[in-house]
Amino acid sequence: MNTRDMKNRIGQSWVLASGVLALGASALLPHPAEAVPSFAVQTGQPCAACHVGSFGPQLTSFGRDFKLFGYVASKGKPTMPAVSAMVTTSFTHTNTDQVPSPAPWTGPNDNLSLDQVSLFYAGAVIPDVMGAFIQATYDGVHHVIHWDNTDIRLSREATIGGSDLVYGITVNNNPTVQDLWNSTPAWRYPYVQSALAAGPAAATKLDGSYAQKVIGVGAYGMLNDLLFVEADVYNPLNIPTQYALGLTGLQGSDTTDGVIPYWRVSLQHAFDQGHHSIQVGTYGMTADIFPGGDRSTGRSDGYTDIAADLNYQWYAKPSDVTADIASLHLNYIHEDQDLKASSLLSGTNARDQLNSFRADMSYAVAATYTPSVQYFRSWGSTDAALWSGSANGSPNSAGFVGEIAYSPWGKPGDPMTWFNPHLTLQYVAYTQFNGTSQHAGDNNTVFLNLWFALGLPN
């Protein structure tokens, strides 16, 4: 059996296992789209207990534990089904008009948009054993309904040689969506950004290339609240299935040759009675790709992504969910590209590299006001055929993001636990854009976002 056949056989076995688990979970899900802030209802905790600044996706220590244990922590039997909703709407202004306009229904600038409406199942499926985060979204920019981020987890506890072990299984559809630190690509900062502003052309495969286009199953374990290890295998969904799930832009898209393995290793430590929490880790994946779905050469391109990250949080008063929290996130991804197929089909280099680095800091004041800033940079091999839309074939881009977020509720004693608004004012400034510094500032963007978490009173 050759390597490709072996990868396909492994993929078929893993996707069958993941399908059985997902089917078992979905049979228990309520079908009515009743909307409640389900995680808060289930745990009996306000949003601020799990989320920095009283609103996601950035997690506190409690939020990471809730995810680790499979979304099943509960104050008792919930009185409402674990279903909730969100709505986001925004205003986008770029330094110069965009020609052509960013969408058929927009103007060249100063656009108002209903960005998305989402329904979630978010909570326990089998009490104390299995939980889920399942999202379906109406995309207001492309006017389609599609399946979105999904993570179904089964978690258990054990003691091995006097050491505590939390272990489990995850079935998910986006590499890194299941990550405990919510700082890897699926949830990374900035947590909201404009869909109507131009962005850099170059991105590593880990930066969302497989989001919702795969189904994967993985096993994970956390030993003594210190060492975390996870291994997943993803199988690509075929194009008809992706169309059926509402995904768009698939014509002429890449297809995957065999399965996609993913791994994660991390160390974390809390000290000074919980005032400080630090994590350092690595993660990565490898994939073989038919560029544009073209198999005519009999070869595929090989991509290997290896990443390193560091997360630090300081809690002014760990026992008080409204106390100030400072956060720092560093993330670096290195991608090796072995372009055996693309070099024959389109004349790219035989081998390229691409790198991505992001560093952000935030300070949440009273779980209400959260100013933050980020530096980002991507750089790599010059390849005129691969980066044809960039200046001189360079993938290099860099810049800064600054924002202030405001969450008036989501804290103990707030008047409405079923309604949590979140307002973000953001400015993106480019020092380099798609290979050039000339006119990079033309892409600078002012973005105002209003985000609602909605539900029914419990």
Protein backbone atom coordinates (compact mmCIF):
# COMPACT_ATOMS: atom_id res chain seq x y z
CA MET A 1 0.00 0.00 0.00
CA ASN A 2 1.50 3.37 -1.00
CA THR A 3 1.56 6.45 1.23
CA ARG A 4 -1.39 8.11 -0.50
CA ASP A 5 -3.59 5.00 -0.16
CA MET A 6 -2.60 4.67 3.47
CA LYS A 7 -3.52 8.32 4.19
CA ASN A 8 -6.88 7.85 2.47
CA ARG A 9 -7.57 4.66 4.43
CA ILE A 10 -6.73 6.40 7.71
CA GLY A 11 -8.94 9.32 6.72
CA GLN A 12 -11.90 7.07 5.96
CA SER A 13 -11.57 5.36 9.34
CA TRP A 14 -11.27 8.60 11.29
CA VAL A 15 -14.08 10.37 9.50
CA LEU A 16 -16.35 7.34 10.09
CA ALA A 17 -15.56 7.51 13.80
CA SER A 18 -16.16 11.24 13.92
CA GLY A 19 -19.41 10.85 12.01
CA VAL A 20 -20.71 8.28 14.49
CA LEU A 21 -19.90 10.55 17.42
CA ALA A 22 -21.38 13.62 15.74
CA LEU A 23 -24.53 11.72 14.79
CA GLY A 24 -24.96 10.52 18.34
CA ALA A 25 -24.63 14.07 19.60
CA SER A 26 -26.94 15.58 17.00
CA ALA A 27 -29.70 13.13 17.87
CA LEU A 28 -29.81 14.73 21.31
CA LEU A 29 -29.86 18.33 20.10
CA PRO A 30 -33.11 20.30 20.28
CA HIS A 31 -34.27 21.34 16.84
CA PRO A 32 -36.27 24.48 17.77
CA ALA A 33 -34.07 27.58 17.49
CA GLU A 34 -34.88 28.88 20.99
CA ALA A 35 -32.31 31.58 21.81
CA VAL A 36 -30.70 31.81 25.26
CA PRO A 37 -27.21 32.80 26.47
CA SER A 38 -26.70 29.12 27.08
CA PHE A 39 -23.22 28.88 28.58
CA ALA A 40 -24.08 31.48 31.23
CA VAL A 41 -27.42 29.80 31.97
CA GLN A 42 -25.79 26.38 32.25
CA THR A 43 -22.93 27.40 34.55
CA GLY A 44 -24.82 29.98 36.58
CA GLN A 45 -21.92 32.37 35.95
CA PRO A 46 -22.00 35.75 34.18
CA CYS A 47 -20.21 36.19 30.83
CA ALA A 48 -17.32 37.90 32.66
CA ALA A 49 -16.43 34.65 34.43
CA CYS A 50 -15.37 32.98 31.17
CA HIS A 51 -14.56 35.95 28.93
CA VAL A 52 -12.13 38.84 29.31
CA GLY A 53 -14.11 42.08 29.12
CA SER A 54 -17.44 40.24 29.58
CA PHE A 55 -17.54 39.17 25.94
CA GLY A 56 -15.82 36.50 23.82
CA PRO A 57 -13.80 35.06 22.36
CA GLN A 58 -10.85 35.85 24.71
CA LEU A 59 -11.01 33.40 27.64
CA THR A 60 -10.18 33.62 31.32
CA SER A 61 -8.75 30.69 33.30
CA PHE A 62 -12.29 29.62 34.17
CA GLY A 63 -13.30 29.78 30.51
CA ARG A 64 -10.37 27.61 29.46
CA ASP A 65 -11.29 25.01 32.08
CA PHE A 66 -14.91 25.05 30.91
CA LYS A 67 -13.74 24.26 27.37
CA LEU A 68 -11.24 21.63 28.57
CA PHE A 69 -13.95 19.77 30.47
CA GLY A 70 -16.16 19.62 27.38
CA TYR A 71 -18.62 22.51 27.91
CA VAL A 72 -20.45 20.51 30.61
CA ALA A 73 -19.88 22.43 33.88
CA SER A 74 -23.32 23.12 35.35
CA LYS A 75 -24.95 24.65 38.42
CA GLY A 76 -27.65 21.99 38.06
CA LYS A 77 -30.05 20.87 35.37
CA PRO A 78 -30.55 23.83 32.98
CA THR A 79 -34.15 24.95 32.69
CA MET A 80 -33.72 26.10 29.08
CA PRO A 81 -32.19 24.32 26.07
CA ALA A 82 -28.59 25.28 25.35
CA VAL A 83 -29.38 27.43 22.32
CA SER A 84 -28.42 31.07 21.76
CA ALA A 85 -27.99 33.63 18.99
CA MET A 86 -25.90 36.58 17.94
CA VAL A 87 -26.20 39.47 15.50
CA THR A 88 -23.35 41.67 14.27
CA THR A 89 -23.62 44.86 12.25
CA SER A 90 -20.92 47.33 11.29
CA PHE A 91 -19.65 50.46 9.52
CA THR A 92 -16.46 50.39 7.40
CA HIS A 93 -14.42 53.35 6.12
CA THR A 94 -11.14 52.93 4.18
CA ASN A 95 -8.59 55.69 3.51
CA THR A 96 -9.29 55.54 -0.22
CA ASP A 97 -12.28 54.30 -2.17
CA GLN A 98 -12.21 50.66 -3.23
CA VAL A 99 -12.51 50.06 -6.98
CA PRO A 100 -14.40 47.91 -7.68
CA SER A 101 -16.68 48.11 -4.65
CA PRO A 102 -16.10 45.37 -2.06
CA ALA A 103 -19.50 43.75 -2.73
CA PRO A 104 -22.15 44.13 -5.47
CA TRP A 105 -24.58 45.83 -3.09
CA THR A 106 -22.06 48.28 -1.54
CA GLY A 107 -20.56 51.59 -2.55
CA PRO A 108 -16.80 52.17 -2.84
CA ASN A 109 -16.62 53.47 0.74
CA ASP A 110 -18.46 54.23 4.01
CA ASN A 111 -20.51 51.05 4.02
CA LEU A 112 -23.05 49.88 6.57
CA SER A 113 -23.48 46.13 6.79
CA LEU A 114 -25.44 43.41 8.56
CA ASP A 115 -22.40 41.15 8.87
CA GLN A 116 -23.91 37.99 10.26
CA VAL A 117 -26.70 36.36 12.21
CA SER A 118 -25.82 33.12 13.98
CA LEU A 119 -27.62 30.43 15.95
CA PHE A 120 -25.69 28.22 18.39
CA TYR A 121 -26.11 25.04 20.32
CA ALA A 122 -23.66 25.71 23.12
CA GLY A 123 -23.66 23.55 26.21
CA ALA A 124 -24.06 20.05 27.58
CA VAL A 125 -25.31 17.28 25.33
CA ILE A 126 -24.86 14.46 27.87
CA PRO A 127 -24.58 15.96 31.38
CA ASP A 128 -21.07 15.70 32.86
CA VAL A 129 -19.82 13.78 29.80
CA MET A 130 -20.34 15.48 26.42
CA GLY A 131 -20.86 19.06 25.33
CA ALA A 132 -20.89 21.03 22.12
CA PHE A 133 -20.36 24.38 20.46
CA ILE A 134 -22.22 24.26 17.13
CA GLN A 135 -22.80 27.37 15.02
CA ALA A 136 -24.89 28.06 11.92
CA THR A 137 -24.56 31.49 10.28
CA TYR A 138 -26.29 33.78 7.85
CA ASP A 139 -23.51 35.70 6.08
CA GLY A 140 -24.86 39.19 5.41
CA VAL A 141 -22.05 40.08 3.01
CA HIS A 142 -22.45 37.09 0.66
CA HIS A 143 -26.14 36.48 1.50
CA VAL A 144 -25.79 32.77 2.24
CA ILE A 145 -26.54 30.47 5.17
CA HIS A 146 -23.73 28.08 6.04
CA TRP A 147 -22.48 25.83 8.80
CA ASP A 148 -19.88 27.55 10.93
CA ASN A 149 -17.46 26.68 13.72
CA THR A 150 -18.26 23.38 15.40
CA ASP A 151 -16.58 21.61 18.32
CA ILE A 152 -18.17 18.57 19.99
CA ARG A 153 -16.26 17.28 23.02
CA LEU A 154 -16.39 14.24 25.25
CA SER A 155 -14.33 14.65 28.42
CA ARG A 156 -13.43 12.46 31.39
CA GLU A 157 -11.15 12.60 34.46
CA ALA A 158 -8.70 10.05 35.84
CA THR A 159 -5.75 9.70 38.23
CA ILE A 160 -2.55 8.10 36.95
CA GLY A 161 0.31 7.50 39.39
CA GLY A 162 -0.98 10.24 41.66
CA SER A 163 -1.30 12.72 38.79
CA ASP A 164 -4.61 14.24 37.70
CA LEU A 165 -5.54 13.72 34.07
CA VAL A 166 -8.35 15.30 32.06
CA TYR A 167 -8.71 13.55 28.72
CA GLY A 168 -11.22 13.56 25.92
CA ILE A 169 -12.22 13.45 22.29
CA THR A 170 -13.04 16.39 20.03
CA VAL A 171 -14.94 16.36 16.74
CA ASN A 172 -14.55 19.70 14.97
CA ASN A 173 -14.51 21.37 11.56
CA ASN A 174 -11.73 23.97 11.78
CA PRO A 175 -8.14 23.27 12.91
CA THR A 176 -7.49 25.35 16.08
CA VAL A 177 -11.21 26.04 16.78
CA GLN A 178 -10.90 23.49 19.60
CA ASP A 179 -7.82 25.13 21.13
CA LEU A 180 -8.17 25.99 24.82
CA TRP A 181 -6.42 29.35 24.65
CA ASN A 182 -8.60 30.91 21.92
CA SER A 183 -5.56 32.79 20.61
CA THR A 184 -4.72 30.51 17.68
CA PRO A 185 -6.02 31.33 14.17
CA ALA A 186 -9.68 30.26 14.55
CA TRP A 187 -10.25 32.77 17.39
CA ARG A 188 -7.27 35.09 17.17
CA TYR A 189 -7.20 38.85 17.66
CA PRO A 190 -8.70 41.02 16.28
CA TYR A 191 -11.87 39.20 17.31
CA VAL A 192 -13.94 41.28 14.89
CA GLN A 193 -12.76 42.76 11.59
CA SER A 194 -14.33 44.20 8.49
CA ALA A 195 -15.46 41.89 5.71
CA LEU A 196 -15.68 44.94 3.41
CA ALA A 197 -12.05 46.11 3.65
CA ALA A 198 -9.16 44.72 1.60
CA GLY A 199 -6.70 42.52 3.48
CA PRO A 200 -3.28 41.04 2.75
CA ALA A 201 -3.30 38.35 0.04
CA ALA A 202 -0.82 35.96 1.67
CA ALA A 203 -1.86 33.64 4.51
CA THR A 204 -0.53 30.35 5.81
CA LYS A 205 -2.72 27.26 5.53
CA LEU A 206 -3.23 27.33 9.30
CA ASP A 207 -4.77 30.79 8.95
CA GLY A 208 -8.25 29.52 8.12
CA SER A 209 -7.70 27.72 4.80
CA TYR A 210 -9.57 24.64 6.04
CA ALA A 211 -12.25 26.34 8.16
CA GLN A 212 -15.54 24.44 7.77
CA LYS A 213 -14.11 22.54 4.75
CA VAL A 214 -13.00 19.54 6.81
CA ILE A 215 -14.27 17.24 9.52
CA GLY A 216 -11.80 15.96 12.09
CA VAL A 217 -11.54 13.89 15.22
CA GLY A 218 -8.85 14.16 17.87
CA ALA A 219 -7.81 13.01 21.31
CA TYR A 220 -6.42 15.31 24.01
CA GLY A 221 -5.17 15.21 27.57
CA MET A 222 -4.19 17.70 30.29
CA LEU A 223 -1.85 16.32 32.96
CA ASN A 224 -1.75 18.02 36.38
CA ASP A 225 -3.12 21.24 34.88
CA LEU A 226 0.36 21.64 33.37
CA LEU A 227 1.00 19.61 30.20
CA PHE A 228 -1.52 19.57 27.37
CA VAL A 229 -1.17 17.24 24.36
CA GLU A 230 -3.58 16.82 21.44
CA ALA A 231 -3.53 14.98 18.10
CA ASP A 232 -6.22 15.30 15.41
CA VAL A 233 -6.79 13.95 11.92
CA TYR A 234 -8.92 15.93 9.44
CA ASN A 235 -10.62 14.59 6.34
CA PRO A 236 -11.59 17.09 3.61
CA LEU A 237 -15.26 17.38 2.68
CA ASN A 238 -15.90 16.92 -1.03
CA ILE A 239 -17.04 19.91 -3.07
CA PRO A 240 -20.74 18.86 -3.34
CA THR A 241 -20.88 18.49 0.45
CA GLN A 242 -19.31 21.92 0.94
CA TYR A 243 -21.87 23.44 -1.43
CA ALA A 244 -24.67 21.69 0.49
CA LEU A 245 -23.35 23.21 3.73
CA GLY A 246 -23.54 26.72 2.23
CA LEU A 247 -19.85 27.36 1.58
CA THR A 248 -19.09 29.68 -1.33
CA GLY A 249 -16.20 30.47 -3.69
CA LEU A 250 -15.44 26.80 -4.30
CA GLN A 251 -15.10 26.80 -8.09
CA GLY A 252 -11.45 26.24 -8.98
CA SER A 253 -10.47 25.93 -5.32
CA ASP A 254 -7.73 23.69 -4.00
CA THR A 255 -8.53 20.11 -3.04
CA THR A 256 -6.72 18.00 -0.49
CA ASP A 257 -4.89 14.75 -1.19
CA GLY A 258 -5.59 12.46 1.77
CA VAL A 259 -5.96 13.40 5.41
CA ILE A 260 -4.56 16.38 7.31
CA PRO A 261 -2.82 15.59 10.62
CA TYR A 262 -2.75 18.30 13.33
CA TRP A 263 -0.94 18.38 16.67
CA ARG A 264 -0.74 20.57 19.77
CA VAL A 265 1.65 20.51 22.77
CA SER A 266 1.52 23.14 25.49
CA LEU A 267 2.69 23.93 29.01
CA GLN A 268 0.69 26.21 31.31
CA HIS A 269 1.17 27.41 34.86
CA ALA A 270 -0.75 29.66 37.25
CA PHE A 271 1.13 31.23 40.17
CA ASP A 272 0.96 33.88 42.91
CA GLN A 273 -2.44 32.55 44.03
CA GLY A 274 -3.88 32.86 40.54
CA HIS A 275 -2.78 36.43 39.87
CA HIS A 276 -0.63 35.27 36.97
CA SER A 277 -1.19 32.65 34.27
CA ILE A 278 1.29 31.79 31.52
CA GLN A 279 1.26 29.32 28.65
CA VAL A 280 3.84 28.42 26.03
CA GLY A 281 3.28 25.90 23.29
CA THR A 282 3.58 24.69 19.74
CA TYR A 283 1.14 23.37 17.18
CA GLY A 284 1.10 22.52 13.52
CA MET A 285 -0.21 20.47 10.64
CA THR A 286 0.77 19.08 7.26
CA ALA A 287 -1.28 18.75 4.06
CA ASP A 288 -0.92 17.70 0.44
CA ILE A 289 -2.86 19.96 -1.95
CA PHE A 290 -3.93 19.74 -5.58
CA PRO A 291 -3.75 23.43 -6.62
CA GLY A 292 -7.06 24.54 -8.12
CA GLY A 293 -8.19 20.92 -7.85
CA ASP A 294 -5.96 20.06 -10.83
CA ARG A 295 -4.68 16.46 -10.69
CA SER A 296 -3.30 16.38 -14.22
CA THR A 297 0.37 16.34 -13.16
CA GLY A 298 -0.13 13.37 -10.85
CA ARG A 299 1.57 15.43 -8.16
CA SER A 300 0.44 17.56 -5.25
CA ASP A 301 1.90 20.50 -3.32
CA GLY A 302 3.08 19.77 0.20
CA TYR A 303 2.50 22.29 3.01
CA THR A 304 3.94 21.95 6.52
CA ASP A 305 2.97 24.57 9.11
CA ILE A 306 4.76 24.73 12.48
CA ALA A 307 3.71 27.35 15.02
CA ALA A 308 4.75 28.60 18.46
CA ASP A 309 2.68 30.68 20.85
CA LEU A 310 2.81 32.33 24.25
CA ASN A 311 -0.10 33.65 26.31
CA TYR A 312 0.10 35.58 29.56
CA GLN A 313 -2.65 36.99 31.80
CA TRP A 314 -2.56 39.05 34.98
CA TYR A 315 -5.63 39.11 37.25
CA ALA A 316 -5.94 42.04 39.66
CA LYS A 317 -8.21 39.96 41.90
CA PRO A 318 -8.72 36.35 40.77
CA SER A 319 -11.82 35.87 42.93
CA ASP A 320 -13.61 38.87 41.38
CA VAL A 321 -14.81 38.45 37.78
CA THR A 322 -15.15 42.23 37.40
CA ALA A 323 -11.56 42.98 38.43
CA ASP A 324 -9.05 44.22 35.83
CA ILE A 325 -7.27 41.70 33.56
CA ALA A 326 -4.18 42.33 31.42
CA SER A 327 -3.44 39.93 28.55
CA LEU A 328 -0.53 39.32 26.16
CA HIS A 329 -0.61 36.95 23.14
CA LEU A 330 2.30 36.08 20.84
CA ASN A 331 1.86 33.79 17.84
CA TYR A 332 4.32 32.76 15.12
CA ILE A 333 3.64 30.41 12.18
CA HIS A 334 6.27 29.13 9.74
CA GLU A 335 5.11 27.37 6.57
CA ASP A 336 7.27 25.32 4.21
CA GLN A 337 5.76 24.92 0.72
CA ASP A 338 6.91 22.09 -1.54
CA LEU A 339 5.27 23.16 -4.80
CA LYS A 340 5.76 20.06 -6.96
CA ALA A 341 2.44 20.54 -8.77
CA SER A 342 2.25 24.35 -8.91
CA SER A 343 5.75 24.65 -10.36
CA LEU A 344 4.64 22.51 -13.31
CA LEU A 345 1.17 24.03 -13.71
CA SER A 346 1.89 27.74 -13.25
CA GLY A 347 5.65 28.19 -13.04
CA THR A 348 6.01 28.91 -9.34
CA ASN A 349 9.23 28.31 -7.46
CA ALA A 350 9.84 24.67 -6.58
CA ARG A 351 9.93 25.58 -2.89
CA ASP A 352 8.74 28.64 -0.95
CA GLN A 353 8.36 29.76 2.64
CA LEU A 354 5.78 31.96 4.37
CA ASN A 355 5.83 33.34 7.91
CA SER A 356 3.26 35.04 10.10
CA PHE A 357 3.79 36.86 13.41
CA ARG A 358 1.22 38.56 15.64
CA ALA A 359 1.56 40.17 19.06
CA ASP A 360 -1.36 41.77 20.90
CA MET A 361 -1.95 43.26 24.34
CA SER A 362 -5.20 44.22 26.06
CA TYR A 363 -6.28 45.60 29.41
CA ALA A 364 -9.87 44.97 30.54
CA VAL A 365 -11.08 47.59 33.01
CA ALA A 366 -13.85 46.42 35.35
CA ALA A 367 -14.85 43.81 32.73
CA THR A 368 -16.37 46.70 30.78
CA TYR A 369 -13.81 48.71 28.81
CA THR A 370 -11.05 46.84 26.93
CA PRO A 371 -8.46 48.83 24.98
CA SER A 372 -6.03 46.71 22.93
CA VAL A 373 -3.28 46.95 20.34
CA GLN A 374 -1.66 44.49 17.93
CA TYR A 375 1.39 44.36 15.68
CA PHE A 376 1.15 41.94 12.75
CA ARG A 377 3.55 40.95 10.01
CA SER A 378 3.70 38.34 7.23
CA TRP A 379 6.75 37.70 5.06
CA GLY A 380 8.19 35.03 2.80
CA SER A 381 9.73 33.97 -0.49
CA THR A 382 9.40 36.18 -3.54
CA ASP A 383 7.41 34.26 -6.15
CA ALA A 384 5.76 36.22 -8.97
CA ALA A 385 3.64 33.25 -10.07
CA LEU A 386 2.35 32.41 -6.59
CA TRP A 387 1.75 35.99 -5.40
CA SER A 388 0.71 37.46 -8.72
CA GLY A 389 -1.44 40.13 -7.05
CA SER A 390 1.45 41.48 -4.96
CA ALA A 391 4.13 44.00 -5.83
CA ASN A 392 7.20 42.25 -7.25
CA GLY A 393 5.76 38.87 -6.27
CA SER A 394 6.30 39.56 -2.56
CA PRO A 395 3.84 38.33 0.10
CA ASN A 396 5.06 40.81 2.72
CA SER A 397 2.55 42.86 4.73
CA ALA A 398 2.74 44.55 8.15
CA GLY A 399 0.86 46.97 10.35
CA PHE A 400 -0.97 47.72 13.57
CA VAL A 401 -4.48 47.33 14.96
CA GLY A 402 -5.79 49.54 17.75
CA GLU A 403 -9.25 49.29 19.28
CA ILE A 404 -11.46 49.99 22.24
CA ALA A 405 -14.27 47.59 23.14
CA TYR A 406 -17.21 48.33 25.46
CA SER A 407 -19.46 45.74 27.14
CA PRO A 408 -21.95 47.36 29.52
CA TRP A 409 -23.39 44.07 30.79
CA GLY A 410 -22.33 40.45 31.24
CA LYS A 411 -21.44 40.95 34.91
CA PRO A 412 -23.05 39.92 38.22
CA GLY A 413 -26.20 41.85 39.01
CA ASP A 414 -26.77 43.16 35.49
CA PRO A 415 -30.43 43.75 34.63
CA MET A 416 -30.69 41.38 31.63
CA THR A 417 -28.75 38.11 31.56
CA TRP A 418 -30.40 37.28 28.24
CA PHE A 419 -29.06 40.28 26.32
CA ASN A 420 -25.39 41.29 26.07
CA PRO A 421 -24.32 44.07 23.64
CA HIS A 422 -20.70 44.70 22.65
CA LEU A 423 -19.39 47.78 20.83
CA THR A 424 -15.95 47.93 19.17
CA LEU A 425 -14.19 50.89 17.53
CA GLN A 426 -11.13 49.70 15.59
CA TYR A 427 -8.42 51.25 13.41
CA VAL A 428 -6.15 49.16 11.15
CA ALA A 429 -2.97 50.87 9.90
CA TYR A 430 -0.68 49.26 7.30
CA THR A 431 3.03 50.01 7.00
CA GLN A 432 3.38 47.45 4.19
CA PHE A 433 0.68 45.87 2.04
CA ASN A 434 1.10 43.01 -0.43
CA GLY A 435 4.80 43.55 -0.97
CA THR A 436 5.08 47.33 -0.97
CA SER A 437 5.13 50.27 1.43
CA GLN A 438 3.99 52.70 -1.27
CA HIS A 439 0.36 53.63 -0.73
CA ALA A 440 0.05 50.95 1.97
CA GLY A 441 -1.90 53.49 4.04
CA ASP A 442 -4.59 53.61 1.35
CA ASN A 443 -5.89 50.40 2.94
CA ASN A 444 -6.08 51.80 6.47
CA THR A 445 -9.52 51.12 7.88
CA VAL A 446 -11.89 52.55 10.48
CA PHE A 447 -14.29 49.84 11.64
CA LEU A 448 -17.22 50.26 14.03
CA ASN A 449 -18.89 47.01 15.08
CA LEU A 450 -21.99 46.37 17.17
CA TRP A 451 -22.37 42.77 18.34
CA PHE A 452 -25.38 41.40 20.24
CA ALA A 453 -25.66 38.12 22.15
CA LEU A 454 -29.35 37.33 22.37
CA GLY A 455 -31.59 34.88 24.17
CA LEU A 456 -34.70 34.32 26.24
CA PRO A 457 -34.90 35.11 29.95
CA ASN A 458 -34.25 32.02 32.07
